[in-house]
Amino acid sequence: MSIKVVDTTLRDGEQKAGIALGINEKVQIAKILDDMGIFQIEAGIAAMGGDEKESIRKIVKLGLKSKISSWNRMNIEDINESMDCSVDIIHISVPVSDIQIEDKLKKNKSWILENVEKCVQYAVSKGYEVTVGLEDASRADINFLIEVCRLIYSIGVKRVRYADTVGILYPRRVFHQINKIREAVPIEIEVHAHNDFGMAIINSIGALKAGAKYVDCTITGIGERAGNCDFLEFAKTIYELLGEKVYLNEFSDLKNKENVIKGIIG
């Protein structure tokens, strides 16, 4: 499959109001996602500790075909917690918009560049595959996005996640943005779309048209606010439009597996 799905049901999906999954539930869901043919499962945030960290450990120990990743803030302490779980991929989230950098972090762009370099070098030096999330990329200066991508690519990062954190994208803009990044840096692109205006699927397709190869999804599109890109709806749409399958077995089997997960989530 040339299009690879990164499922974040166990991380971003669980941020939907009213959802709280236990260790056994997360392990069950991870097994089903693996059976669906998901390329990568974002299993959670190891730095939260407790049951969250234990569930990631247990998922890793299953030996699934899907790659297992853990989400991290841009600091060494978080990264160490993920390494302690022996995940396949260390994902480092990096705020890139002015409003995130200045108002949330009270920092500047130089601080971002210095710290992302330090964190990526640390994780790469430990032998881990690293992906970097461009948090709030859809509100960021494209020139700064390119600067971050050039930096992390030069120290071993092969894939970056373009995140529409607040759900404001439309297809033409995401196509333009990702196309500009790919023209400047030979880095693989993963798109993370939110569904605030009901456009998560079409924005994900816009990203694919610009050369992205990875799409973030959740089961039934659950997630914070209006949710994320719905895996089944995306899978069906991409097959009908492009003839590309992003799942194993028959679509009816996929639907049955989704219903099992919906029953687990409640």
C-alpha atoms as a PDB file:
ATOM      1  CA  MET A   1       0.000   0.000   0.000  1.00  0.00           C
ATOM      2  CA  SER A   2       1.485   3.347  -1.036  1.00  0.00           C
ATOM      3  CA  ILE A   3      -0.838   5.216   1.367  1.00  0.00           C
ATOM      4  CA  LYS A   4      -0.160   4.322   4.984  1.00  0.00           C
ATOM      5  CA  VAL A   5      -2.623   4.892   7.833  1.00  0.00           C
ATOM      6  CA  VAL A   6      -1.480   6.045  11.253  1.00  0.00           C
ATOM      7  CA  ASP A   7      -4.276   5.262  13.704  1.00  0.00           C
ATOM      8  CA  THR A   8      -4.480   7.568  16.700  1.00  0.00           C
ATOM      9  CA  THR A   9      -7.671   6.218  18.302  1.00  0.00           C
ATOM     10  CA  LEU A  10      -5.719   5.351  21.459  1.00  0.00           C
ATOM     11  CA  ARG A  11      -4.161   8.810  21.759  1.00  0.00           C
ATOM     12  CA  ASP A  12      -6.085  11.611  20.038  1.00  0.00           C
ATOM     13  CA  GLY A  13      -9.307   9.593  19.858  1.00  0.00           C
ATOM     14  CA  GLU A  14      -9.365   9.112  23.616  1.00  0.00           C
ATOM     15  CA  GLN A  15      -9.395  12.893  24.025  1.00  0.00           C
ATOM     16  CA  LYS A  16     -13.064  12.896  23.042  1.00  0.00           C
ATOM     17  CA  ALA A  17     -15.193  13.932  26.011  1.00  0.00           C
ATOM     18  CA  GLY A  18     -16.508  10.966  27.992  1.00  0.00           C
ATOM     19  CA  ILE A  19     -14.012   8.375  26.738  1.00  0.00           C
ATOM     20  CA  ALA A  20     -11.584   6.735  29.157  1.00  0.00           C
ATOM     21  CA  LEU A  21     -10.077   3.396  28.143  1.00  0.00           C
ATOM     22  CA  GLY A  22      -8.465   0.903  30.494  1.00  0.00           C
ATOM     23  CA  ILE A  23      -5.358  -1.183  29.841  1.00  0.00           C
ATOM     24  CA  ASN A  24      -7.224  -4.289  28.659  1.00  0.00           C
ATOM     25  CA  GLU A  25      -9.481  -2.229  26.388  1.00  0.00           C
ATOM     26  CA  LYS A  26      -6.506  -0.529  24.739  1.00  0.00           C
ATOM     27  CA  VAL A  27      -4.768  -3.862  24.208  1.00  0.00           C
ATOM     28  CA  GLN A  28      -7.930  -5.308  22.623  1.00  0.00           C
ATOM     29  CA  ILE A  29      -8.275  -2.331  20.307  1.00  0.00           C
ATOM     30  CA  ALA A  30      -4.612  -2.490  19.288  1.00  0.00           C
ATOM     31  CA  LYS A  31      -5.008  -6.148  18.265  1.00  0.00           C
ATOM     32  CA  ILE A  32      -8.029  -5.313  16.102  1.00  0.00           C
ATOM     33  CA  LEU A  33      -6.272  -2.346  14.485  1.00  0.00           C
ATOM     34  CA  ASP A  34      -3.373  -4.629  13.638  1.00  0.00           C
ATOM     35  CA  ASP A  35      -5.785  -7.116  12.034  1.00  0.00           C
ATOM     36  CA  MET A  36      -7.176  -4.260   9.921  1.00  0.00           C
ATOM     37  CA  GLY A  37      -3.750  -3.677   8.394  1.00  0.00           C
ATOM     38  CA  ILE A  38      -2.990  -0.348  10.078  1.00  0.00           C
ATOM     39  CA  PHE A  39       0.616   0.672   9.351  1.00  0.00           C
ATOM     40  CA  GLN A  40       1.209   2.488  12.657  1.00  0.00           C
ATOM     41  CA  ILE A  41      -0.662   2.625  15.967  1.00  0.00           C
ATOM     42  CA  GLU A  42      -0.148   5.730  18.093  1.00  0.00           C
ATOM     43  CA  ALA A  43      -0.597   3.916  21.388  1.00  0.00           C
ATOM     44  CA  GLY A  44      -0.664   6.850  23.788  1.00  0.00           C
ATOM     45  CA  ILE A  45       1.494   9.226  25.821  1.00  0.00           C
ATOM     46  CA  ALA A  46       4.039   7.351  27.916  1.00  0.00           C
ATOM     47  CA  ALA A  47       4.898  10.455  29.940  1.00  0.00           C
ATOM     48  CA  MET A  48       1.438  10.307  31.550  1.00  0.00           C
ATOM     49  CA  GLY A  49       2.662   7.267  33.470  1.00  0.00           C
ATOM     50  CA  GLY A  50       0.358   4.881  35.337  1.00  0.00           C
ATOM     51  CA  ASP A  51      -2.090   2.832  33.286  1.00  0.00           C
ATOM     52  CA  GLU A  52      -1.335   4.865  30.164  1.00  0.00           C
ATOM     53  CA  LYS A  53       2.320   3.866  30.187  1.00  0.00           C
ATOM     54  CA  GLU A  54       1.527   0.275  31.146  1.00  0.00           C
ATOM     55  CA  SER A  55      -0.925  -0.066  28.252  1.00  0.00           C
ATOM     56  CA  ILE A  56       1.773   1.085  25.804  1.00  0.00           C
ATOM     57  CA  ARG A  57       4.195  -1.485  27.237  1.00  0.00           C
ATOM     58  CA  LYS A  58       1.647  -4.260  26.887  1.00  0.00           C
ATOM     59  CA  ILE A  59       0.817  -3.281  23.305  1.00  0.00           C
ATOM     60  CA  VAL A  60       4.518  -3.296  22.391  1.00  0.00           C
ATOM     61  CA  LYS A  61       4.909  -6.781  23.914  1.00  0.00           C
ATOM     62  CA  LEU A  62       2.167  -8.153  21.626  1.00  0.00           C
ATOM     63  CA  GLY A  63       4.648  -8.147  18.743  1.00  0.00           C
ATOM     64  CA  LEU A  64       2.119  -6.765  16.265  1.00  0.00           C
ATOM     65  CA  LYS A  65       2.813  -6.153  12.594  1.00  0.00           C
ATOM     66  CA  SER A  66       1.774  -2.509  13.032  1.00  0.00           C
ATOM     67  CA  LYS A  67       4.500  -0.146  14.178  1.00  0.00           C
ATOM     68  CA  ILE A  68       3.873   1.240  17.670  1.00  0.00           C
ATOM     69  CA  SER A  69       4.544   4.873  18.510  1.00  0.00           C
ATOM     70  CA  SER A  70       4.255   7.076  21.573  1.00  0.00           C
ATOM     71  CA  TRP A  71       3.526  10.821  21.562  1.00  0.00           C
ATOM     72  CA  ASN A  72       5.946  13.174  23.339  1.00  0.00           C
ATOM     73  CA  ARG A  73       6.289  16.811  24.134  1.00  0.00           C
ATOM     74  CA  MET A  74       9.551  18.410  23.084  1.00  0.00           C
ATOM     75  CA  ASN A  75      11.601  17.398  26.117  1.00  0.00           C
ATOM     76  CA  ILE A  76      14.044  14.655  27.040  1.00  0.00           C
ATOM     77  CA  GLU A  77      12.018  13.472  30.051  1.00  0.00           C
ATOM     78  CA  ASP A  78       9.033  12.594  27.868  1.00  0.00           C
ATOM     79  CA  ILE A  79      11.265  10.843  25.366  1.00  0.00           C
ATOM     80  CA  ASN A  80      12.861   8.725  28.082  1.00  0.00           C
ATOM     81  CA  GLU A  81       9.407   7.553  29.201  1.00  0.00           C
ATOM     82  CA  SER A  82       8.651   6.404  25.646  1.00  0.00           C
ATOM     83  CA  MET A  83      12.004   4.686  25.341  1.00  0.00           C
ATOM     84  CA  ASP A  84      11.235   2.859  28.572  1.00  0.00           C
ATOM     85  CA  CYS A  85       8.289   1.274  26.734  1.00  0.00           C
ATOM     86  CA  SER A  86      10.516   0.136  23.812  1.00  0.00           C
ATOM     87  CA  VAL A  87       8.191   1.600  21.176  1.00  0.00           C
ATOM     88  CA  ASP A  88       9.129   1.454  17.501  1.00  0.00           C
ATOM     89  CA  ILE A  89       8.724   5.172  16.865  1.00  0.00           C
ATOM     90  CA  ILE A  90       9.332   8.217  19.068  1.00  0.00           C
ATOM     91  CA  HIS A  91       6.961  10.988  17.989  1.00  0.00           C
ATOM     92  CA  ILE A  92       7.969  14.488  19.107  1.00  0.00           C
ATOM     93  CA  SER A  93       5.372  17.242  18.897  1.00  0.00           C
ATOM     94  CA  VAL A  94       6.787  20.687  18.084  1.00  0.00           C
ATOM     95  CA  PRO A  95       4.621  23.848  18.267  1.00  0.00           C
ATOM     96  CA  VAL A  96       5.312  25.839  15.100  1.00  0.00           C
ATOM     97  CA  SER A  97       2.721  28.629  14.878  1.00  0.00           C
ATOM     98  CA  ASP A  98       3.464  32.057  16.318  1.00  0.00           C
ATOM     99  CA  ILE A  99       0.442  31.851  18.606  1.00  0.00           C
ATOM    100  CA  GLN A 100       1.575  28.502  20.027  1.00  0.00           C
ATOM    101  CA  ILE A 101       5.206  29.542  20.398  1.00  0.00           C
ATOM    102  CA  GLU A 102       4.638  32.998  21.853  1.00  0.00           C
ATOM    103  CA  ASP A 103       1.354  32.714  23.754  1.00  0.00           C
ATOM    104  CA  LYS A 104       1.399  29.105  24.931  1.00  0.00           C
ATOM    105  CA  LEU A 105       5.117  28.493  25.438  1.00  0.00           C
ATOM    106  CA  LYS A 106       6.235  32.102  25.984  1.00  0.00           C
ATOM    107  CA  LYS A 107       9.252  31.343  23.786  1.00  0.00           C
ATOM    108  CA  ASN A 108      10.586  32.283  20.353  1.00  0.00           C
ATOM    109  CA  LYS A 109      11.458  30.442  17.141  1.00  0.00           C
ATOM    110  CA  SER A 110      15.148  30.201  17.998  1.00  0.00           C
ATOM    111  CA  TRP A 111      14.219  28.331  21.176  1.00  0.00           C
ATOM    112  CA  ILE A 112      12.065  25.945  19.143  1.00  0.00           C
ATOM    113  CA  LEU A 113      14.879  25.191  16.701  1.00  0.00           C
ATOM    114  CA  GLU A 114      17.416  24.686  19.472  1.00  0.00           C
ATOM    115  CA  ASN A 115      15.201  22.333  21.451  1.00  0.00           C
ATOM    116  CA  VAL A 116      13.860  20.274  18.578  1.00  0.00           C
ATOM    117  CA  GLU A 117      17.435  19.708  17.441  1.00  0.00           C
ATOM    118  CA  LYS A 118      18.453  18.595  20.938  1.00  0.00           C
ATOM    119  CA  CYS A 119      15.492  16.230  21.333  1.00  0.00           C
ATOM    120  CA  VAL A 120      15.748  14.689  17.872  1.00  0.00           C
ATOM    121  CA  GLN A 121      19.502  14.169  18.166  1.00  0.00           C
ATOM    122  CA  TYR A 122      18.994  12.500  21.534  1.00  0.00           C
ATOM    123  CA  ALA A 123      16.345  10.063  20.277  1.00  0.00           C
ATOM    124  CA  VAL A 124      18.203   9.294  17.043  1.00  0.00           C
ATOM    125  CA  SER A 125      21.430   8.669  18.985  1.00  0.00           C
ATOM    126  CA  LYS A 126      19.588   5.979  20.957  1.00  0.00           C
ATOM    127  CA  GLY A 127      18.746   4.168  17.731  1.00  0.00           C
ATOM    128  CA  TYR A 128      15.055   5.102  17.497  1.00  0.00           C
ATOM    129  CA  GLU A 129      13.021   6.010  14.457  1.00  0.00           C
ATOM    130  CA  VAL A 130      11.776   9.547  15.065  1.00  0.00           C
ATOM    131  CA  THR A 131       8.848  11.427  13.585  1.00  0.00           C
ATOM    132  CA  VAL A 132       8.219  15.098  14.300  1.00  0.00           C
ATOM    133  CA  GLY A 133       4.768  16.624  14.586  1.00  0.00           C
ATOM    134  CA  LEU A 134       4.385  20.190  13.347  1.00  0.00           C
ATOM    135  CA  GLU A 135       1.781  21.253  15.888  1.00  0.00           C
ATOM    136  CA  ASP A 136      -0.653  23.900  14.616  1.00  0.00           C
ATOM    137  CA  ALA A 137       1.065  23.795  11.210  1.00  0.00           C
ATOM    138  CA  SER A 138      -2.012  25.157   9.447  1.00  0.00           C
ATOM    139  CA  ARG A 139      -1.582  28.512  11.253  1.00  0.00           C
ATOM    140  CA  ALA A 140       2.209  28.628  10.936  1.00  0.00           C
ATOM    141  CA  ASP A 141       4.499  30.610   8.633  1.00  0.00           C
ATOM    142  CA  ILE A 142       5.393  28.298   5.733  1.00  0.00           C
ATOM    143  CA  ASN A 143       8.987  29.531   5.770  1.00  0.00           C
ATOM    144  CA  PHE A 144       9.386  28.472   9.394  1.00  0.00           C
ATOM    145  CA  LEU A 145       7.840  25.078   8.629  1.00  0.00           C
ATOM    146  CA  ILE A 146      10.425  24.594   5.913  1.00  0.00           C
ATOM    147  CA  GLU A 147      13.219  25.708   8.244  1.00  0.00           C
ATOM    148  CA  VAL A 148      12.154  23.150  10.868  1.00  0.00           C
ATOM    149  CA  CYS A 149      11.866  20.417   8.228  1.00  0.00           C
ATOM    150  CA  ARG A 150      15.329  21.158   6.838  1.00  0.00           C
ATOM    151  CA  LEU A 151      16.814  21.003  10.316  1.00  0.00           C
ATOM    152  CA  ILE A 152      15.222  17.741  11.398  1.00  0.00           C
ATOM    153  CA  TYR A 153      15.830  16.080   8.020  1.00  0.00           C
ATOM    154  CA  SER A 154      19.533  16.925   8.314  1.00  0.00           C
ATOM    155  CA  ILE A 155      19.740  15.004  11.609  1.00  0.00           C
ATOM    156  CA  GLY A 156      17.900  11.878  10.542  1.00  0.00           C
ATOM    157  CA  VAL A 157      14.139  12.468  10.613  1.00  0.00           C
ATOM    158  CA  LYS A 158      12.494  10.979   7.529  1.00  0.00           C
ATOM    159  CA  ARG A 159       8.857  11.860   8.254  1.00  0.00           C
ATOM    160  CA  VAL A 160       7.036  14.914   9.551  1.00  0.00           C
ATOM    161  CA  ARG A 161       3.402  15.223  10.628  1.00  0.00           C
ATOM    162  CA  TYR A 162       1.573  18.278   9.303  1.00  0.00           C
ATOM    163  CA  ALA A 163      -1.103  18.894  11.939  1.00  0.00           C
ATOM    164  CA  ASP A 164      -4.249  20.951  11.404  1.00  0.00           C
ATOM    165  CA  THR A 165      -4.529  21.254  15.178  1.00  0.00           C
ATOM    166  CA  VAL A 166      -7.475  23.655  15.269  1.00  0.00           C
ATOM    167  CA  GLY A 167      -9.281  22.340  12.172  1.00  0.00           C
ATOM    168  CA  ILE A 168      -9.139  25.358   9.868  1.00  0.00           C
ATOM    169  CA  LEU A 169      -7.733  23.830   6.673  1.00  0.00           C
ATOM    170  CA  TYR A 170      -9.359  23.571   3.259  1.00  0.00           C
ATOM    171  CA  PRO A 171      -8.068  21.372   0.385  1.00  0.00           C
ATOM    172  CA  ARG A 172      -6.412  24.060  -1.733  1.00  0.00           C
ATOM    173  CA  ARG A 173      -4.450  25.398   1.245  1.00  0.00           C
ATOM    174  CA  VAL A 174      -3.252  22.014   2.486  1.00  0.00           C
ATOM    175  CA  PHE A 175      -2.216  21.095  -1.063  1.00  0.00           C
ATOM    176  CA  HIS A 176      -0.261  24.338  -1.415  1.00  0.00           C
ATOM    177  CA  GLN A 177       1.414  24.045   1.988  1.00  0.00           C
ATOM    178  CA  ILE A 178       2.516  20.434   1.627  1.00  0.00           C
ATOM    179  CA  ASN A 179       3.611  20.991  -1.954  1.00  0.00           C
ATOM    180  CA  LYS A 180       5.821  23.893  -0.814  1.00  0.00           C
ATOM    181  CA  ILE A 181       7.417  21.769   1.921  1.00  0.00           C
ATOM    182  CA  ARG A 182       8.094  18.882  -0.462  1.00  0.00           C
ATOM    183  CA  GLU A 183       9.625  21.225  -3.036  1.00  0.00           C
ATOM    184  CA  ALA A 184      12.056  22.479  -0.389  1.00  0.00           C
ATOM    185  CA  VAL A 185      12.837  19.326   1.611  1.00  0.00           C
ATOM    186  CA  PRO A 186      12.800  15.645   0.533  1.00  0.00           C
ATOM    187  CA  ILE A 187      10.961  14.590   3.683  1.00  0.00           C
ATOM    188  CA  GLU A 188       7.928  12.305   3.885  1.00  0.00           C
ATOM    189  CA  ILE A 189       4.680  13.944   4.942  1.00  0.00           C
ATOM    190  CA  GLU A 190       1.982  12.655   7.293  1.00  0.00           C
ATOM    191  CA  VAL A 191      -1.237  14.651   7.556  1.00  0.00           C
ATOM    192  CA  HIS A 192      -3.267  14.999  10.759  1.00  0.00           C
ATOM    193  CA  ALA A 193      -6.654  16.569   9.981  1.00  0.00           C
ATOM    194  CA  HIS A 194      -9.403  17.587  12.388  1.00  0.00           C
ATOM    195  CA  ASN A 195     -13.039  17.642  11.356  1.00  0.00           C
ATOM    196  CA  ASP A 196     -14.277  20.990  12.697  1.00  0.00           C
ATOM    197  CA  PHE A 197     -15.854  21.932   9.353  1.00  0.00           C
ATOM    198  CA  GLY A 198     -16.501  18.366   8.218  1.00  0.00           C
ATOM    199  CA  MET A 199     -13.440  18.438   5.982  1.00  0.00           C
ATOM    200  CA  ALA A 200     -11.008  15.970   7.574  1.00  0.00           C
ATOM    201  CA  ILE A 201     -11.341  13.429   4.762  1.00  0.00           C
ATOM    202  CA  ILE A 202     -11.167  15.875   1.866  1.00  0.00           C
ATOM    203  CA  ASN A 203      -8.244  17.727   3.480  1.00  0.00           C
ATOM    204  CA  SER A 204      -6.435  14.401   3.900  1.00  0.00           C
ATOM    205  CA  ILE A 205      -7.013  13.681   0.214  1.00  0.00           C
ATOM    206  CA  GLY A 206      -5.713  17.150  -0.652  1.00  0.00           C
ATOM    207  CA  ALA A 207      -2.544  16.312   1.257  1.00  0.00           C
ATOM    208  CA  LEU A 208      -2.192  13.028  -0.636  1.00  0.00           C
ATOM    209  CA  LYS A 209      -2.573  14.879  -3.942  1.00  0.00           C
ATOM    210  CA  ALA A 210       0.369  17.076  -2.890  1.00  0.00           C
ATOM    211  CA  GLY A 211       2.534  14.028  -2.178  1.00  0.00           C
ATOM    212  CA  ALA A 212       1.785  13.054   1.436  1.00  0.00           C
ATOM    213  CA  LYS A 213       2.048   9.306   2.026  1.00  0.00           C
ATOM    214  CA  TYR A 214       0.645   8.961   5.554  1.00  0.00           C
ATOM    215  CA  VAL A 215      -2.825   9.840   6.849  1.00  0.00           C
ATOM    216  CA  ASP A 216      -3.858   9.973  10.511  1.00  0.00           C
ATOM    217  CA  CYS A 217      -7.252   8.434  11.296  1.00  0.00           C
ATOM    218  CA  THR A 218      -9.359   7.252  14.223  1.00  0.00           C
ATOM    219  CA  ILE A 219     -12.112   4.680  14.425  1.00  0.00           C
ATOM    220  CA  THR A 220     -15.456   6.421  13.738  1.00  0.00           C
ATOM    221  CA  GLY A 221     -13.530   9.711  13.589  1.00  0.00           C
ATOM    222  CA  ILE A 222     -13.484  10.192  17.378  1.00  0.00           C
ATOM    223  CA  GLY A 223     -11.222  12.813  18.915  1.00  0.00           C
ATOM    224  CA  GLU A 224     -11.146  16.218  20.522  1.00  0.00           C
ATOM    225  CA  ARG A 225     -13.779  18.768  19.467  1.00  0.00           C
ATOM    226  CA  ALA A 226     -15.314  17.584  16.166  1.00  0.00           C
ATOM    227  CA  GLY A 227     -12.942  14.631  15.910  1.00  0.00           C
ATOM    228  CA  ASN A 228     -10.453  13.330  13.370  1.00  0.00           C
ATOM    229  CA  CYS A 229     -10.420  11.676   9.958  1.00  0.00           C
ATOM    230  CA  ASP A 230     -12.802   8.686  10.108  1.00  0.00           C
ATOM    231  CA  PHE A 231     -10.830   5.576   9.101  1.00  0.00           C
ATOM    232  CA  LEU A 232     -13.636   3.612   7.467  1.00  0.00           C
ATOM    233  CA  GLU A 233     -15.015   6.623   5.613  1.00  0.00           C
ATOM    234  CA  PHE A 234     -11.528   7.542   4.453  1.00  0.00           C
ATOM    235  CA  ALA A 235     -10.779   3.946   3.414  1.00  0.00           C
ATOM    236  CA  LYS A 236     -13.992   3.752   1.398  1.00  0.00           C
ATOM    237  CA  THR A 237     -13.474   7.159  -0.220  1.00  0.00           C
ATOM    238  CA  ILE A 238      -9.859   6.540  -1.166  1.00  0.00           C
ATOM    239  CA  TYR A 239     -10.766   3.193  -2.716  1.00  0.00           C
ATOM    240  CA  GLU A 240     -13.632   4.653  -4.742  1.00  0.00           C
ATOM    241  CA  LEU A 241     -11.648   7.669  -5.935  1.00  0.00           C
ATOM    242  CA  LEU A 242      -8.145   6.269  -6.357  1.00  0.00           C
ATOM    243  CA  GLY A 243      -8.590   2.498  -6.350  1.00  0.00           C
ATOM    244  CA  GLU A 244      -6.216   2.278  -3.385  1.00  0.00           C
ATOM    245  CA  LYS A 245      -6.865  -0.121  -0.503  1.00  0.00           C
ATOM    246  CA  VAL A 246      -5.584   0.953   2.916  1.00  0.00           C
ATOM    247  CA  TYR A 247      -6.903  -2.113   4.740  1.00  0.00           C
ATOM    248  CA  LEU A 248      -6.699  -5.908   4.706  1.00  0.00           C
ATOM    249  CA  ASN A 249      -9.414  -8.428   3.750  1.00  0.00           C
ATOM    250  CA  GLU A 250     -12.895  -7.304   2.710  1.00  0.00           C
ATOM    251  CA  PHE A 251     -14.555  -4.001   3.548  1.00  0.00           C
ATOM    252  CA  SER A 252     -17.390  -5.851   5.294  1.00  0.00           C
ATOM    253  CA  ASP A 253     -14.830  -7.459   7.600  1.00  0.00           C
ATOM    254  CA  LEU A 254     -13.411  -4.010   8.292  1.00  0.00           C
ATOM    255  CA  LYS A 255     -16.884  -2.790   9.249  1.00  0.00           C
ATOM    256  CA  ASN A 256     -17.312  -5.729  11.627  1.00  0.00           C
ATOM    257  CA  LYS A 257     -14.003  -4.914  13.312  1.00  0.00           C
ATOM    258  CA  GLU A 258     -15.043  -1.278  13.639  1.00  0.00           C
ATOM    259  CA  ASN A 259     -18.249  -2.362  15.359  1.00  0.00           C
ATOM    260  CA  VAL A 260     -16.247  -4.432  17.833  1.00  0.00           C
ATOM    261  CA  ILE A 261     -14.089  -1.408  18.670  1.00  0.00           C
ATOM    262  CA  LYS A 262     -17.190   0.775  19.024  1.00  0.00           C
ATOM    263  CA  GLY A 263     -18.522  -1.768  21.518  1.00  0.00           C
ATOM    264  CA  ILE A 264     -15.277  -1.614  23.511  1.00  0.00           C
ATOM    265  CA  ILE A 265     -15.246   2.198  23.549  1.00  0.00           C
ATOM    266  CA  GLY A 266     -18.922   2.315  24.531  1.00  0.00           C
END
